[in-house]
PDB file of N, CA and C in Angstrom:
ATOM      1  N   UNK A   1     100.020 124.268 138.516  1.00  0.00           N
ATOM      2  CA  UNK A   1      98.594 124.542 138.310  1.00  0.00           C
ATOM      3  C   UNK A   1      97.885 124.515 137.053  1.00  0.00           C
ATOM      4  N   UNK A   2      99.251 125.094 136.073  1.00  0.00           N
ATOM      5  CA  UNK A   2      98.665 125.598 135.075  1.00  0.00           C
ATOM      6  C   UNK A   2      98.160 123.944 134.516  1.00  0.00           C
ATOM      7  N   UNK A   3      98.762 122.806 134.787  1.00  0.00           N
ATOM      8  CA  UNK A   3      99.044 121.760 134.722  1.00  0.00           C
ATOM      9  C   UNK A   3      97.342 120.989 135.153  1.00  0.00           C
ATOM     10  N   UNK A   4      96.273 121.432 135.774  1.00  0.00           N
ATOM     11  CA  UNK A   4      95.594 120.796 136.625  1.00  0.00           C
ATOM     12  C   UNK A   4      94.585 121.712 135.607  1.00  0.00           C
ATOM     13  N   UNK A   5      94.760 123.140 135.442  1.00  0.00           N
ATOM     14  CA  UNK A   5      94.073 123.807 135.059  1.00  0.00           C
ATOM     15  C   UNK A   5      93.716 123.107 133.518  1.00  0.00           C
ATOM     16  N   UNK A   6      95.017 122.759 132.646  1.00  0.00           N
ATOM     17  CA  UNK A   6      94.925 122.652 131.096  1.00  0.00           C
ATOM     18  C   UNK A   6      94.319 120.775 131.360  1.00  0.00           C
ATOM     19  N   UNK A   7      94.360 119.987 132.299  1.00  0.00           N
ATOM     20  CA  UNK A   7      93.662 118.722 132.541  1.00  0.00           C
ATOM     21  C   UNK A   7      91.939 119.234 132.197  1.00  0.00           C
ATOM     22  N   UNK A   8      91.985 120.345 133.000  1.00  0.00           N
ATOM     23  CA  UNK A   8      89.935 120.322 133.292  1.00  0.00           C
ATOM     24  C   UNK A   8      89.855 120.466 131.600  1.00  0.00           C
ATOM     25  N   UNK A   9      91.024 121.275 130.952  1.00  0.00           N
ATOM     26  CA  UNK A   9      90.413 122.182 130.103  1.00  0.00           C
ATOM     27  C   UNK A   9      90.068 121.120 128.907  1.00  0.00           C
ATOM     28  N   UNK A  10      91.388 120.431 128.920  1.00  0.00           N
ATOM     29  CA  UNK A  10      91.355 118.747 127.722  1.00  0.00           C
ATOM     30  C   UNK A  10      89.784 117.861 128.498  1.00  0.00           C
ATOM     31  N   UNK A  11      89.361 117.745 129.483  1.00  0.00           N
ATOM     32  CA  UNK A  11      88.456 117.298 130.211  1.00  0.00           C
ATOM     33  C   UNK A  11      87.030 117.493 129.687  1.00  0.00           C
ATOM     34  N   UNK A  12      86.807 118.865 129.636  1.00  0.00           N
ATOM     35  CA  UNK A  12      85.815 119.634 128.952  1.00  0.00           C
ATOM     36  C   UNK A  12      85.445 119.161 127.186  1.00  0.00           C
ATOM     37  N   UNK A  13      86.202 119.718 127.038  1.00  0.00           N
ATOM     38  CA  UNK A  13      86.432 120.032 125.082  1.00  0.00           C
ATOM     39  C   UNK A  13      86.289 118.422 124.883  1.00  0.00           C
ATOM     40  N   UNK A  14      86.405 117.001 125.776  1.00  0.00           N
ATOM     41  CA  UNK A  14      86.592 115.901 125.458  1.00  0.00           C
ATOM     42  C   UNK A  14      85.399 115.212 125.348  1.00  0.00           C
ATOM     43  N   UNK A  15      84.598 115.910 126.772  1.00  0.00           N
ATOM     44  CA  UNK A  15      83.473 115.529 127.073  1.00  0.00           C
ATOM     45  C   UNK A  15      82.208 116.597 125.939  1.00  0.00           C
ATOM     46  N   UNK A  16      82.749 118.096 125.624  1.00  0.00           N
ATOM     47  CA  UNK A  16      81.831 118.391 124.735  1.00  0.00           C
ATOM     48  C   UNK A  16      81.636 117.590 123.504  1.00  0.00           C
ATOM     49  N   UNK A  17      83.071 117.128 122.859  1.00  0.00           N
ATOM     50  CA  UNK A  17      83.436 116.616 121.317  1.00  0.00           C
ATOM     51  C   UNK A  17      82.397 115.314 122.020  1.00  0.00           C
ATOM     52  N   UNK A  18      82.510 114.619 122.828  1.00  0.00           N
ATOM     53  CA  UNK A  18      82.137 113.138 122.343  1.00  0.00           C
ATOM     54  C   UNK A  18      80.026 113.518 123.361  1.00  0.00           C
ATOM     55  N   UNK A  19      79.713 114.404 123.586  1.00  0.00           N
ATOM     56  CA  UNK A  19      78.633 115.108 124.008  1.00  0.00           C
ATOM     57  C   UNK A  19      77.662 115.812 122.307  1.00  0.00           C
ATOM     58  N   UNK A  20      78.340 116.133 121.802  1.00  0.00           N
ATOM     59  CA  UNK A  20      77.765 116.500 120.352  1.00  0.00           C
ATOM     60  C   UNK A  20      77.596 115.623 119.707  1.00  0.00           C
ATOM     61  N   UNK A  21      75.749 115.649 119.328  1.00  0.00           N
ATOM     62  CA  UNK A  21      75.427 114.625 118.634  1.00  0.00           C
ATOM     63  C   UNK A  21      75.410 114.668 117.183  1.00  0.00           C
ATOM     64  N   UNK A  22      76.058 113.147 117.189  1.00  0.00           N
ATOM     65  CA  UNK A  22      76.631 112.810 115.591  1.00  0.00           C
ATOM     66  C   UNK A  22      75.089 112.397 115.028  1.00  0.00           C
ATOM     67  N   UNK A  23      73.995 112.218 115.573  1.00  0.00           N
ATOM     68  CA  UNK A  23      73.235 111.215 115.113  1.00  0.00           C
ATOM     69  C   UNK A  23      72.159 112.617 114.185  1.00  0.00           C
ATOM     70  N   UNK A  24      72.579 113.706 114.555  1.00  0.00           N
ATOM     71  CA  UNK A  24      71.612 114.980 113.466  1.00  0.00           C
ATOM     72  C   UNK A  24      72.158 114.829 112.291  1.00  0.00           C
ATOM     73  N   UNK A  25      70.901 114.583 111.557  1.00  0.00           N
ATOM     74  CA  UNK A  25      70.941 114.568 110.104  1.00  0.00           C
ATOM     75  C   UNK A  25      71.731 115.686 109.332  1.00  0.00           C
ATOM     76  N   UNK A  26      72.087 116.792 109.547  1.00  0.00           N
ATOM     77  CA  UNK A  26      73.265 117.331 108.965  1.00  0.00           C
ATOM     78  C   UNK A  26      74.230 116.786 109.495  1.00  0.00           C
ATOM     79  N   UNK A  27      75.171 116.839 110.219  1.00  0.00           N
ATOM     80  CA  UNK A  27      76.170 116.324 110.701  1.00  0.00           C
ATOM     81  C   UNK A  27      76.539 114.765 110.191  1.00  0.00           C
ATOM     82  N   UNK A  28      75.124 114.014 109.839  1.00  0.00           N
ATOM     83  CA  UNK A  28      75.579 112.700 109.065  1.00  0.00           C
ATOM     84  C   UNK A  28      75.977 112.722 108.128  1.00  0.00           C
ATOM     85  N   UNK A  29      75.320 114.164 106.863  1.00  0.00           N
ATOM     86  CA  UNK A  29      75.088 113.812 105.443  1.00  0.00           C
ATOM     87  C   UNK A  29      76.358 114.800 104.904  1.00  0.00           C
ATOM     88  N   UNK A  30      76.797 115.258 106.216  1.00  0.00           N
ATOM     89  CA  UNK A  30      78.277 116.096 105.623  1.00  0.00           C
ATOM     90  C   UNK A  30      79.412 115.733 106.255  1.00  0.00           C
ATOM     91  N   UNK A  31      79.622 114.058 106.941  1.00  0.00           N
ATOM     92  CA  UNK A  31      80.588 112.998 106.777  1.00  0.00           C
ATOM     93  C   UNK A  31      80.545 112.377 105.516  1.00  0.00           C
ATOM     94  N   UNK A  32      82.388 111.943 105.358  1.00  0.00           N
ATOM     95  CA  UNK A  32      82.517 111.738 103.965  1.00  0.00           C
ATOM     96  C   UNK A  32      82.251 109.715 104.495  1.00  0.00           C
ATOM     97  N   UNK A  33      81.709 109.354 103.594  1.00  0.00           N
ATOM     98  CA  UNK A  33      81.454 108.185 103.202  1.00  0.00           C
ATOM     99  C   UNK A  33      82.403 107.127 102.541  1.00  0.00           C
ATOM    100  N   UNK A  34      83.061 106.358 103.032  1.00  0.00           N
ATOM    101  CA  UNK A  34      84.018 104.973 102.714  1.00  0.00           C
ATOM    102  C   UNK A  34      83.150 104.052 102.491  1.00  0.00           C
ATOM    103  N   UNK A  35      83.809 103.110 101.416  1.00  0.00           N
ATOM    104  CA  UNK A  35      83.214 101.652 101.006  1.00  0.00           C
ATOM    105  C   UNK A  35      84.433 100.694 100.304  1.00  0.00           C
ATOM    106  N   UNK A  36      84.664  99.706 101.133  1.00  0.00           N
ATOM    107  CA  UNK A  36      85.766  98.630 101.108  1.00  0.00           C
ATOM    108  C   UNK A  36      85.429  97.580 100.844  1.00  0.00           C
ATOM    109  N   UNK A  37      85.075  97.068  99.347  1.00  0.00           N
ATOM    110  CA  UNK A  37      84.320  95.883  98.914  1.00  0.00           C
ATOM    111  C   UNK A  37      85.266  94.363  98.310  1.00  0.00           C
ATOM    112  N   UNK A  38      84.867  93.265  98.808  1.00  0.00           N
ATOM    113  CA  UNK A  38      86.064  92.719  98.061  1.00  0.00           C
ATOM    114  C   UNK A  38      84.840  91.747  97.170  1.00  0.00           C
ATOM    115  N   UNK A  39      85.075  91.690  95.755  1.00  0.00           N
ATOM    116  CA  UNK A  39      83.926  91.060  95.055  1.00  0.00           C
ATOM    117  C   UNK A  39      85.087  89.531  93.980  1.00  0.00           C
ATOM    118  N   UNK A  40      84.309  88.560  94.053  1.00  0.00           N
ATOM    119  CA  UNK A  40      84.975  87.103  93.616  1.00  0.00           C
ATOM    120  C   UNK A  40      84.072  86.777  92.361  1.00  0.00           C
ATOM    121  N   UNK A  41      84.876  86.751  91.516  1.00  0.00           N
ATOM    122  CA  UNK A  41      84.330  86.578  90.012  1.00  0.00           C
ATOM    123  C   UNK A  41      84.364  85.170  90.111  1.00  0.00           C
ATOM    124  N   UNK A  42      83.532  84.487  89.284  1.00  0.00           N
ATOM    125  CA  UNK A  42      83.722  82.914  88.576  1.00  0.00           C
ATOM    126  C   UNK A  42      84.535  82.314  87.991  1.00  0.00           C
ATOM    127  N   UNK A  43      84.944  81.503  88.221  1.00  0.00           N
ATOM    128  CA  UNK A  43      86.972  80.982  87.754  1.00  0.00           C
ATOM    129  C   UNK A  43      87.298  81.673  86.500  1.00  0.00           C
ATOM    130  N   UNK A  44      88.267  82.092  86.320  1.00  0.00           N
ATOM    131  CA  UNK A  44      88.308  82.458  84.537  1.00  0.00           C
ATOM    132  C   UNK A  44      87.744  83.761  84.828  1.00  0.00           C
ATOM    133  N   UNK A  45      87.428  84.203  85.089  1.00  0.00           N
ATOM    134  CA  UNK A  45      86.790  85.719  85.087  1.00  0.00           C
ATOM    135  C   UNK A  45      86.760  87.085  86.234  1.00  0.00           C
ATOM    136  N   UNK A  46      88.282  86.889  86.718  1.00  0.00           N
ATOM    137  CA  UNK A  46      88.829  87.656  87.509  1.00  0.00           C
ATOM    138  C   UNK A  46      89.187  89.159  86.404  1.00  0.00           C
ATOM    139  N   UNK A  47      89.747  89.308  85.242  1.00  0.00           N
ATOM    140  CA  UNK A  47      90.330  90.279  84.580  1.00  0.00           C
ATOM    141  C   UNK A  47      88.749  90.605  84.440  1.00  0.00           C
ATOM    142  N   UNK A  48      87.373  89.720  83.522  1.00  0.00           N
ATOM    143  CA  UNK A  48      86.371  90.354  82.731  1.00  0.00           C
ATOM    144  C   UNK A  48      85.677  91.760  84.443  1.00  0.00           C
ATOM    145  N   UNK A  49      85.603  90.841  85.146  1.00  0.00           N
ATOM    146  CA  UNK A  49      85.273  91.496  86.021  1.00  0.00           C
ATOM    147  C   UNK A  49      85.932  92.742  87.051  1.00  0.00           C
ATOM    148  N   UNK A  50      87.249  92.739  86.893  1.00  0.00           N
ATOM    149  CA  UNK A  50      88.600  94.144  86.758  1.00  0.00           C
ATOM    150  C   UNK A  50      87.562  94.823  85.988  1.00  0.00           C
ATOM    151  N   UNK A  51      87.478  94.999  84.303  1.00  0.00           N
ATOM    152  CA  UNK A  51      87.649  95.432  83.354  1.00  0.00           C
ATOM    153  C   UNK A  51      85.617  96.565  83.861  1.00  0.00           C
ATOM    154  N   UNK A  52      84.594  95.293  84.525  1.00  0.00           N
ATOM    155  CA  UNK A  52      83.828  96.105  84.771  1.00  0.00           C
ATOM    156  C   UNK A  52      83.707  97.184  85.768  1.00  0.00           C
ATOM    157  N   UNK A  53      84.781  96.713  86.921  1.00  0.00           N
ATOM    158  CA  UNK A  53      85.154  97.759  87.593  1.00  0.00           C
ATOM    159  C   UNK A  53      85.884  98.805  87.435  1.00  0.00           C
ATOM    160  N   UNK A  54      86.610  99.137  86.523  1.00  0.00           N
ATOM    161  CA  UNK A  54      87.274  99.779  85.625  1.00  0.00           C
ATOM    162  C   UNK A  54      86.387 101.186  85.113  1.00  0.00           C
ATOM    163  N   UNK A  55      85.568  99.959  84.089  1.00  0.00           N
ATOM    164  CA  UNK A  55      84.179 101.032  83.659  1.00  0.00           C
ATOM    165  C   UNK A  55      83.128 101.458  84.772  1.00  0.00           C
ATOM    166  N   UNK A  56      83.578 101.323  86.040  1.00  0.00           N
ATOM    167  CA  UNK A  56      81.928 101.763  87.291  1.00  0.00           C
ATOM    168  C   UNK A  56      83.129 102.964  87.855  1.00  0.00           C
ATOM    169  N   UNK A  57      84.512 103.120  87.374  1.00  0.00           N
ATOM    170  CA  UNK A  57      85.009 103.531  88.040  1.00  0.00           C
ATOM    171  C   UNK A  57      85.171 105.289  87.437  1.00  0.00           C
ATOM    172  N   UNK A  58      85.297 105.080  85.306  1.00  0.00           N
ATOM    173  CA  UNK A  58      85.318 105.777  84.497  1.00  0.00           C
ATOM    174  C   UNK A  58      83.946 106.485  84.925  1.00  0.00           C
ATOM    175  N   UNK A  59      82.540 105.698  84.714  1.00  0.00           N
ATOM    176  CA  UNK A  59      81.262 106.322  85.844  1.00  0.00           C
ATOM    177  C   UNK A  59      81.256 107.197  86.596  1.00  0.00           C
ATOM    178  N   UNK A  60      81.720 106.197  87.813  1.00  0.00           N
ATOM    179  CA  UNK A  60      81.600 107.223  89.000  1.00  0.00           C
ATOM    180  C   UNK A  60      82.441 108.424  89.042  1.00  0.00           C
ATOM    181  N   UNK A  61      83.124 108.563  88.359  1.00  0.00           N
ATOM    182  CA  UNK A  61      84.307 109.573  88.509  1.00  0.00           C
ATOM    183  C   UNK A  61      83.645 110.795  88.109  1.00  0.00           C
ATOM    184  N   UNK A  62      82.720 111.011  87.491  1.00  0.00           N
ATOM    185  CA  UNK A  62      82.257 112.288  86.339  1.00  0.00           C
ATOM    186  C   UNK A  62      80.909 112.607  87.566  1.00  0.00           C
ATOM    187  N   UNK A  63      80.811 112.160  88.637  1.00  0.00           N
ATOM    188  CA  UNK A  63      79.506 112.177  89.324  1.00  0.00           C
ATOM    189  C   UNK A  63      79.947 113.547  90.602  1.00  0.00           C
ATOM    190  N   UNK A  64      78.889 113.696  91.396  1.00  0.00           N
ATOM    191  CA  UNK A  64      78.925 114.497  92.459  1.00  0.00           C
ATOM    192  C   UNK A  64      78.894 113.766  93.460  1.00  0.00           C
ATOM    193  N   UNK A  65      80.089 114.373  94.801  1.00  0.00           N
ATOM    194  CA  UNK A  65      80.481 113.570  95.414  1.00  0.00           C
ATOM    195  C   UNK A  65      81.530 112.580  95.075  1.00  0.00           C
ATOM    196  N   UNK A  66      82.138 111.819  94.530  1.00  0.00           N
ATOM    197  CA  UNK A  66      82.644 111.095  94.250  1.00  0.00           C
ATOM    198  C   UNK A  66      84.176 111.264  94.801  1.00  0.00           C
ATOM    199  N   UNK A  67      84.936 111.026  95.567  1.00  0.00           N
ATOM    200  CA  UNK A  67      86.112 111.406  95.396  1.00  0.00           C
ATOM    201  C   UNK A  67      87.362 110.635  95.049  1.00  0.00           C
ATOM    202  N   UNK A  68      87.392 109.178  95.697  1.00  0.00           N
ATOM    203  CA  UNK A  68      88.240 108.232  95.185  1.00  0.00           C
ATOM    204  C   UNK A  68      87.134 107.187  94.598  1.00  0.00           C
ATOM    205  N   UNK A  69      87.731 105.777  93.696  1.00  0.00           N
ATOM    206  CA  UNK A  69      87.106 104.785  93.659  1.00  0.00           C
ATOM    207  C   UNK A  69      88.119 103.772  92.786  1.00  0.00           C
ATOM    208  N   UNK A  70      89.268 102.767  93.776  1.00  0.00           N
ATOM    209  CA  UNK A  70      89.904 102.861  93.479  1.00  0.00           C
ATOM    210  C   UNK A  70      89.980 101.524  93.253  1.00  0.00           C
ATOM    211  N   UNK A  71      90.686 101.000  92.043  1.00  0.00           N
ATOM    212  CA  UNK A  71      90.146  99.120  91.466  1.00  0.00           C
ATOM    213  C   UNK A  71      91.435  98.714  91.802  1.00  0.00           C
ATOM    214  N   UNK A  72      91.843  97.458  92.648  1.00  0.00           N
ATOM    215  CA  UNK A  72      92.587  96.581  92.768  1.00  0.00           C
ATOM    216  C   UNK A  72      92.403  95.206  92.374  1.00  0.00           C
ATOM    217  N   UNK A  73      93.346  94.555  92.092  1.00  0.00           N
ATOM    218  CA  UNK A  73      93.325  92.806  92.139  1.00  0.00           C
ATOM    219  C   UNK A  73      93.881  92.529  93.003  1.00  0.00           C
ATOM    220  N   UNK A  74      93.993  91.040  93.227  1.00  0.00           N
ATOM    221  CA  UNK A  74      94.229  90.742  94.073  1.00  0.00           C
ATOM    222  C   UNK A  74      96.376  89.770  93.283  1.00  0.00           C
ATOM    223  N   UNK A  75      96.702  90.307  93.766  1.00  0.00           N
ATOM    224  CA  UNK A  75      98.304  89.117  93.223  1.00  0.00           C
ATOM    225  C   UNK A  75      97.684  87.776  93.902  1.00  0.00           C
ATOM    226  N   UNK A  76      97.320  87.416  94.167  1.00  0.00           N
ATOM    227  CA  UNK A  76      97.387  85.862  95.431  1.00  0.00           C
ATOM    228  C   UNK A  76      95.972  84.668  94.877  1.00  0.00           C
ATOM    229  N   UNK A  77      94.898  85.794  94.678  1.00  0.00           N
ATOM    230  CA  UNK A  77      93.736  85.298  93.688  1.00  0.00           C
ATOM    231  C   UNK A  77      93.137  86.069  92.435  1.00  0.00           C
ATOM    232  N   UNK A  78      93.511  86.357  91.419  1.00  0.00           N
ATOM    233  CA  UNK A  78      93.280  86.583  90.110  1.00  0.00           C
ATOM    234  C   UNK A  78      91.746  86.922  90.112  1.00  0.00           C
ATOM    235  N   UNK A  79      90.662  86.156  91.087  1.00  0.00           N
ATOM    236  CA  UNK A  79      89.150  86.124  91.204  1.00  0.00           C
ATOM    237  C   UNK A  79      88.981  86.961  92.002  1.00  0.00           C
ATOM    238  N   UNK A  80      89.744  87.722  93.176  1.00  0.00           N
ATOM    239  CA  UNK A  80      89.494  89.061  93.699  1.00  0.00           C
ATOM    240  C   UNK A  80      89.537  90.079  92.822  1.00  0.00           C
ATOM    241  N   UNK A  81      89.075  91.487  93.550  1.00  0.00           N
ATOM    242  CA  UNK A  81      88.532  92.248  92.753  1.00  0.00           C
ATOM    243  C   UNK A  81      88.469  93.224  94.033  1.00  0.00           C
ATOM    244  N   UNK A  82      88.756  93.991  94.259  1.00  0.00           N
ATOM    245  CA  UNK A  82      89.139  95.284  95.500  1.00  0.00           C
ATOM    246  C   UNK A  82      88.808  96.567  95.286  1.00  0.00           C
ATOM    247  N   UNK A  83      87.252  97.127  95.815  1.00  0.00           N
ATOM    248  CA  UNK A  83      87.527  98.301  95.315  1.00  0.00           C
ATOM    249  C   UNK A  83      86.863  99.211  96.319  1.00  0.00           C
ATOM    250  N   UNK A  84      87.889 100.367  96.158  1.00  0.00           N
ATOM    251  CA  UNK A  84      87.670 101.265  97.420  1.00  0.00           C
ATOM    252  C   UNK A  84      86.972 102.619  97.046  1.00  0.00           C
ATOM    253  N   UNK A  85      85.828 102.980  98.052  1.00  0.00           N
ATOM    254  CA  UNK A  85      85.543 103.842  97.024  1.00  0.00           C
ATOM    255  C   UNK A  85      85.148 105.455  98.793  1.00  0.00           C
ATOM    256  N   UNK A  86      85.605 106.094  98.063  1.00  0.00           N
ATOM    257  CA  UNK A  86      85.026 107.295  99.509  1.00  0.00           C
ATOM    258  C   UNK A  86      84.270 108.527  98.659  1.00  0.00           C
ATOM    259  N   UNK A  87      83.465 108.443  99.391  1.00  0.00           N
ATOM    260  CA  UNK A  87      82.777 109.811  98.253  1.00  0.00           C
ATOM    261  C   UNK A  87      82.203 110.961 100.133  1.00  0.00           C
ATOM    262  N   UNK A  88      81.550 112.326  99.340  1.00  0.00           N
ATOM    263  CA  UNK A  88      81.758 112.995 100.382  1.00  0.00           C
ATOM    264  C   UNK A  88      80.844 112.826 101.550  1.00  0.00           C
ATOM    265  N   UNK A  89      79.821 111.362 101.077  1.00  0.00           N
ATOM    266  CA  UNK A  89      78.456 111.337 102.403  1.00  0.00           C
ATOM    267  C   UNK A  89      77.540 109.957 101.617  1.00  0.00           C
ATOM    268  N   UNK A  90      77.220 109.569 102.302  1.00  0.00           N
ATOM    269  CA  UNK A  90      76.256 108.148 102.453  1.00  0.00           C
ATOM    270  C   UNK A  90      75.222 108.727 101.309  1.00  0.00           C
ATOM    271  N   UNK A  91      74.873 110.189 101.594  1.00  0.00           N
ATOM    272  CA  UNK A  91      73.309 109.934  99.925  1.00  0.00           C
ATOM    273  C   UNK A  91      74.032 110.048  98.447  1.00  0.00           C
ATOM    274  N   UNK A  92      75.630 110.450  99.011  1.00  0.00           N
ATOM    275  CA  UNK A  92      76.399 110.549  97.384  1.00  0.00           C
ATOM    276  C   UNK A  92      76.146 108.948  96.484  1.00  0.00           C
ATOM    277  N   UNK A  93      76.797 107.952  97.426  1.00  0.00           N
ATOM    278  CA  UNK A  93      77.080 106.774  97.570  1.00  0.00           C
ATOM    279  C   UNK A  93      75.500 106.636  97.310  1.00  0.00           C
ATOM    280  N   UNK A  94      74.709 106.542  97.945  1.00  0.00           N
ATOM    281  CA  UNK A  94      73.389 105.920  96.934  1.00  0.00           C
ATOM    282  C   UNK A  94      72.803 106.501  96.297  1.00  0.00           C
ATOM    283  N   UNK A  95      73.502 107.843  95.655  1.00  0.00           N
ATOM    284  CA  UNK A  95      72.687 107.733  94.610  1.00  0.00           C
ATOM    285  C   UNK A  95      73.293 106.970  93.477  1.00  0.00           C
ATOM    286  N   UNK A  96      75.107 107.357  93.773  1.00  0.00           N
ATOM    287  CA  UNK A  96      75.566 106.262  92.824  1.00  0.00           C
ATOM    288  C   UNK A  96      74.597 105.202  92.071  1.00  0.00           C
ATOM    289  N   UNK A  97      74.507 104.524  93.193  1.00  0.00           N
ATOM    290  CA  UNK A  97      74.024 103.240  92.456  1.00  0.00           C
ATOM    291  C   UNK A  97      72.231 103.666  92.182  1.00  0.00           C
ATOM    292  N   UNK A  98      71.938 104.279  91.453  1.00  0.00           N
ATOM    293  CA  UNK A  98      70.419 104.454  90.675  1.00  0.00           C
ATOM    294  C   UNK A  98      70.700 105.007  89.929  1.00  0.00           C
ATOM    295  N   UNK A  99      72.272 105.894  89.458  1.00  0.00           N
ATOM    296  CA  UNK A  99      72.706 106.382  88.188  1.00  0.00           C
ATOM    297  C   UNK A  99      72.334 104.943  87.098  1.00  0.00           C
ATOM    298  N   UNK A 100      71.656 105.238  86.348  1.00  0.00           N
ATOM    299  CA  UNK A 100      71.633 104.513  85.193  1.00  0.00           C
ATOM    300  C   UNK A 100      72.855 103.294  83.897  1.00  0.00           C
ATOM    301  N   UNK A 101      73.625 104.212  84.132  1.00  0.00           N
ATOM    302  CA  UNK A 101      75.035 103.784  83.753  1.00  0.00           C
ATOM    303  C   UNK A 101      75.181 102.779  84.811  1.00  0.00           C
ATOM    304  N   UNK A 102      75.433 103.533  85.841  1.00  0.00           N
ATOM    305  CA  UNK A 102      76.174 102.709  87.218  1.00  0.00           C
ATOM    306  C   UNK A 102      75.285 101.507  87.431  1.00  0.00           C
ATOM    307  N   UNK A 103      74.201 100.927  87.551  1.00  0.00           N
ATOM    308  CA  UNK A 103      72.838 100.285  87.013  1.00  0.00           C
ATOM    309  C   UNK A 103      73.486  99.203  85.690  1.00  0.00           C
ATOM    310  N   UNK A 104      73.505  99.616  84.783  1.00  0.00           N
ATOM    311  CA  UNK A 104      73.708  98.876  83.698  1.00  0.00           C
ATOM    312  C   UNK A 104      75.220  97.738  84.146  1.00  0.00           C
ATOM    313  N   UNK A 105      76.216  98.947  84.080  1.00  0.00           N
ATOM    314  CA  UNK A 105      77.605  97.613  84.763  1.00  0.00           C
ATOM    315  C   UNK A 105      76.785  96.441  85.893  1.00  0.00           C
ATOM    316  N   UNK A 106      76.512  96.933  86.767  1.00  0.00           N
ATOM    317  CA  UNK A 106      75.859  95.885  87.493  1.00  0.00           C
ATOM    318  C   UNK A 106      75.032  95.242  87.004  1.00  0.00           C
ATOM    319  N   UNK A 107      74.613  95.380  86.097  1.00  0.00           N
ATOM    320  CA  UNK A 107      73.398  93.685  85.589  1.00  0.00           C
ATOM    321  C   UNK A 107      74.792  92.981  84.459  1.00  0.00           C
ATOM    322  N   UNK A 108      75.746  93.605  84.400  1.00  0.00           N
ATOM    323  CA  UNK A 108      76.108  93.312  83.125  1.00  0.00           C
ATOM    324  C   UNK A 108      77.463  92.179  84.445  1.00  0.00           C
ATOM    325  N   UNK A 109      78.511  92.898  85.334  1.00  0.00           N
ATOM    326  CA  UNK A 109      79.021  92.169  86.630  1.00  0.00           C
ATOM    327  C   UNK A 109      77.873  91.167  86.806  1.00  0.00           C
ATOM    328  N   UNK A 110      76.922  91.431  87.586  1.00  0.00           N
ATOM    329  CA  UNK A 110      76.431  90.462  88.558  1.00  0.00           C
ATOM    330  C   UNK A 110      76.152  88.807  88.081  1.00  0.00           C
ATOM    331  N   UNK A 111      76.346  89.041  87.115  1.00  0.00           N
ATOM    332  CA  UNK A 111      76.031  86.907  86.455  1.00  0.00           C
ATOM    333  C   UNK A 111      77.710  86.054  86.624  1.00  0.00           C
ATOM    334  N   UNK A 112      78.927  87.360  86.739  1.00  0.00           N
ATOM    335  CA  UNK A 112      80.233  86.321  86.820  1.00  0.00           C
ATOM    336  C   UNK A 112      80.599  86.776  88.261  1.00  0.00           C
ATOM    337  N   UNK A 113      79.629  87.628  89.281  1.00  0.00           N
ATOM    338  CA  UNK A 113      80.252  87.801  90.667  1.00  0.00           C
ATOM    339  C   UNK A 113      79.938  86.162  91.406  1.00  0.00           C
ATOM    340  N   UNK A 114      80.130  85.605  92.444  1.00  0.00           N
ATOM    341  CA  UNK A 114      79.979  84.322  93.149  1.00  0.00           C
ATOM    342  C   UNK A 114      80.533  85.016  94.668  1.00  0.00           C
ATOM    343  N   UNK A 115      80.537  86.204  94.849  1.00  0.00           N
ATOM    344  CA  UNK A 115      80.483  86.365  96.740  1.00  0.00           C
ATOM    345  C   UNK A 115      81.209  87.796  96.630  1.00  0.00           C
ATOM    346  N   UNK A 116      80.868  88.736  97.375  1.00  0.00           N
ATOM    347  CA  UNK A 116      81.665  89.777  98.062  1.00  0.00           C
ATOM    348  C   UNK A 116      81.267  90.341  99.341  1.00  0.00           C
ATOM    349  N   UNK A 117      82.048  90.584  99.490  1.00  0.00           N
ATOM    350  CA  UNK A 117      82.133  91.291 101.221  1.00  0.00           C
ATOM    351  C   UNK A 117      82.442  92.692 100.735  1.00  0.00           C
ATOM    352  N   UNK A 118      81.778  93.437 101.863  1.00  0.00           N
ATOM    353  CA  UNK A 118      81.590  94.923 102.317  1.00  0.00           C
ATOM    354  C   UNK A 118      81.536  95.497 102.681  1.00  0.00           C
ATOM    355  N   UNK A 119      82.736  96.147 103.109  1.00  0.00           N
ATOM    356  CA  UNK A 119      82.750  97.256 104.476  1.00  0.00           C
ATOM    357  C   UNK A 119      82.624  98.734 104.831  1.00  0.00           C
ATOM    358  N   UNK A 120      81.004  99.129 104.989  1.00  0.00           N
ATOM    359  CA  UNK A 120      81.200 100.419 104.915  1.00  0.00           C
ATOM    360  C   UNK A 120      81.946 101.658 105.960  1.00  0.00           C
ATOM    361  N   UNK A 121      82.117 102.303 105.788  1.00  0.00           N
ATOM    362  CA  UNK A 121      83.141 102.590 106.753  1.00  0.00           C
ATOM    363  C   UNK A 121      83.272 104.539 106.511  1.00  0.00           C
ATOM    364  N   UNK A 122      83.543 104.941 107.664  1.00  0.00           N
ATOM    365  CA  UNK A 122      83.344 106.505 107.825  1.00  0.00           C
ATOM    366  C   UNK A 122      85.100 107.038 107.245  1.00  0.00           C
ATOM    367  N   UNK A 123      85.409 107.946 106.784  1.00  0.00           N
ATOM    368  CA  UNK A 123      86.482 108.549 106.399  1.00  0.00           C
ATOM    369  C   UNK A 123      86.971 109.179 107.745  1.00  0.00           C
ATOM    370  N   UNK A 124      88.187 108.843 107.833  1.00  0.00           N
ATOM    371  CA  UNK A 124      88.508 110.168 109.948  1.00  0.00           C
ATOM    372  C   UNK A 124      90.351 110.091 109.311  1.00  0.00           C
ATOM    373  N   UNK A 125      90.279 110.194 107.965  1.00  0.00           N
ATOM    374  CA  UNK A 125      92.391 110.945 107.984  1.00  0.00           C
ATOM    375  C   UNK A 125      93.094 109.687 107.045  1.00  0.00           C
ATOM    376  N   UNK A 126      93.957 109.364 107.182  1.00  0.00           N
ATOM    377  CA  UNK A 126      95.214 109.115 106.498  1.00  0.00           C
ATOM    378  C   UNK A 126      95.499 109.922 105.111  1.00  0.00           C
ATOM    379  N   UNK A 127      96.829 109.163 104.630  1.00  0.00           N
ATOM    380  CA  UNK A 127      97.188 109.847 103.092  1.00  0.00           C
ATOM    381  C   UNK A 127      96.840 109.709 101.925  1.00  0.00           C
ATOM    382  N   UNK A 128      96.876 110.865 101.292  1.00  0.00           N
ATOM    383  CA  UNK A 128      96.857 110.454  99.551  1.00  0.00           C
ATOM    384  C   UNK A 128      95.511 111.190  99.336  1.00  0.00           C
ATOM    385  N   UNK A 129      94.805 111.465 100.454  1.00  0.00           N
ATOM    386  CA  UNK A 129      93.556 112.152 100.138  1.00  0.00           C
ATOM    387  C   UNK A 129      93.532 114.132 100.537  1.00  0.00           C
TER     388      UNK A 129
END
């Protein structure tokens, strides 16, 4: 009997959680927002691009809402720079892209970037944060 009751309670809780509107603006704004990007530099420009991204890291680390801005360079292909970001919310990330210092770094880096793959994501957990 206790097992059946527990199953019903779990079903009700699961149904409630799934039915909770996640499109609610206040809920969306409170969700952490992540971005993973692979930037590909022109041949011989991987180190230069990595330095631009490190400069960006120093800039955004002082901004409201920036939790993580991690820069890595591929060991397999020096032209690939990987950036992992985590922000308090999507709006904080968007605001960072309008910052004058960030815009200046983007303008410096843009001519040597020949490709980019980015993956917006929601933070769901893990070790280290």
